[in-house]
Amino acid sequence: MIRCLERPQGLSAPLTRRLTVKYSTGLHVRASGAIVKTVNRFTVKVQLRYGDQEADANGIFEIIMLEVPQGAEVEFEAEGPDAERVLDALSNLFADNFGLSEN
């Protein structure tokens, strides 16, 4: 007999979104800090993937250690009640170059 395991009520499958880093210095300290600040505004767990590496998007040092350069594509996976909202906020953050100006 095959049994299908269901997710507990109230939990949905994680949502993912791929974003491209356009900022000239990639995900350096200030950009990584902006990601952490954005994620912390929501009730959600977010993982950041770059290549075969993964980091908790709540940890600035974890993000920096990924060494994500300009032009790289990253994937965010969000799980929790605010999953879609945090992915939208991260998309806006990337589109706005993390609120940082290019000199």
Protein backbone atom coordinates (compact mmCIF):
# COMPACT_ATOMS: atom_id res chain seq x y z
CA MET A 1 0.00 0.00 0.00
CA ILE A 2 1.31 3.46 -0.94
CA ARG A 3 0.48 6.34 1.34
CA CYS A 4 0.79 9.96 0.35
CA LEU A 5 2.15 12.18 3.04
CA GLU A 6 0.40 15.51 3.24
CA ARG A 7 1.90 18.70 4.53
CA PRO A 8 0.43 19.81 7.84
CA GLN A 9 -2.48 22.17 7.43
CA GLY A 10 -1.37 25.78 7.13
CA LEU A 11 1.95 24.94 5.48
CA SER A 12 2.29 25.37 1.76
CA ALA A 13 5.03 24.35 -0.62
CA PRO A 14 7.98 26.73 -0.70
CA LEU A 15 7.92 29.42 -3.38
CA THR A 16 10.99 30.20 -5.43
CA ARG A 17 12.14 33.13 -7.51
CA ARG A 18 15.24 33.62 -9.66
CA LEU A 19 16.81 37.07 -9.71
CA THR A 20 19.84 38.51 -11.47
CA VAL A 21 22.37 40.64 -9.58
CA LYS A 22 22.85 43.81 -11.61
CA TYR A 23 24.77 45.82 -9.04
CA SER A 24 28.40 46.32 -10.10
CA THR A 25 29.96 44.83 -6.97
CA GLY A 26 27.57 41.89 -6.65
CA LEU A 27 26.28 40.85 -3.24
CA HIS A 28 28.83 42.69 -1.15
CA VAL A 29 28.31 43.88 2.43
CA ARG A 30 25.78 46.67 1.85
CA ALA A 31 23.71 44.70 -0.68
CA SER A 32 23.73 41.64 1.58
CA GLY A 33 22.64 43.81 4.50
CA ALA A 34 19.74 45.13 2.45
CA ILE A 35 18.64 41.55 1.71
CA VAL A 36 18.75 40.60 5.40
CA LYS A 37 16.86 43.75 6.41
CA THR A 38 14.17 43.02 3.81
CA VAL A 39 13.77 39.36 4.82
CA ASN A 40 13.54 40.25 8.51
CA ARG A 41 10.44 42.39 7.89
CA PHE A 42 8.41 39.24 7.16
CA THR A 43 7.30 36.05 8.90
CA VAL A 44 9.11 33.66 6.60
CA LYS A 45 12.13 31.40 6.19
CA VAL A 46 14.25 32.29 3.15
CA GLN A 47 17.15 30.39 1.61
CA LEU A 48 19.43 31.91 -1.02
CA ARG A 49 21.09 29.65 -3.60
CA TYR A 50 23.96 30.46 -5.90
CA GLY A 51 25.28 27.57 -7.96
CA ASP A 52 25.64 24.61 -5.63
CA GLN A 53 25.91 26.80 -2.52
CA GLU A 54 23.13 27.82 -0.17
CA ALA A 55 22.80 30.42 2.59
CA ASP A 56 20.20 31.47 5.11
CA ALA A 57 18.98 34.87 3.86
CA ASN A 58 18.80 36.05 7.49
CA GLY A 59 22.58 35.88 7.81
CA ILE A 60 24.65 38.65 6.27
CA PHE A 61 27.93 36.74 6.56
CA GLU A 62 26.40 33.63 4.98
CA ILE A 63 25.30 35.71 1.99
CA ILE A 64 28.68 37.42 1.65
CA MET A 65 30.46 34.05 1.74
CA LEU A 66 28.58 33.00 -1.42
CA GLU A 67 30.69 35.60 -3.30
CA VAL A 68 27.94 36.38 -5.81
CA PRO A 69 29.28 38.61 -8.62
CA GLN A 70 27.50 41.08 -10.88
CA GLY A 71 25.49 39.32 -13.58
CA ALA A 72 24.97 36.15 -11.55
CA GLU A 73 21.57 34.55 -11.18
CA VAL A 74 20.48 33.57 -7.68
CA GLU A 75 17.43 31.73 -6.44
CA PHE A 76 15.45 32.57 -3.35
CA GLU A 77 13.23 29.95 -1.72
CA ALA A 78 10.69 31.26 0.76
CA GLU A 79 8.42 29.32 3.07
CA GLY A 80 5.88 30.74 5.46
CA PRO A 81 2.83 32.98 5.56
CA ASP A 82 4.63 35.90 3.88
CA ALA A 83 6.48 33.88 1.23
CA GLU A 84 5.01 35.64 -1.79
CA ARG A 85 5.31 39.07 -0.20
CA VAL A 86 8.98 38.63 0.69
CA LEU A 87 9.80 37.41 -2.83
CA ASP A 88 8.05 40.48 -4.27
CA ALA A 89 10.01 42.73 -1.90
CA LEU A 90 13.29 41.04 -2.86
CA SER A 91 12.45 41.44 -6.56
CA ASN A 92 11.89 45.16 -6.00
CA LEU A 93 15.12 45.40 -4.00
CA PHE A 94 17.13 43.81 -6.82
CA ALA A 95 15.42 46.01 -9.44
CA ASP A 96 16.38 49.08 -7.40
CA ASN A 97 20.03 47.94 -7.03
CA PHE A 98 19.47 47.47 -3.27
CA GLY A 99 18.79 51.19 -2.87
CA LEU A 100 22.47 51.87 -3.61
CA SER A 101 23.70 54.31 -6.24
CA GLU A 102 26.37 53.43 -8.77
CA ASN A 103 29.25 55.92 -8.64
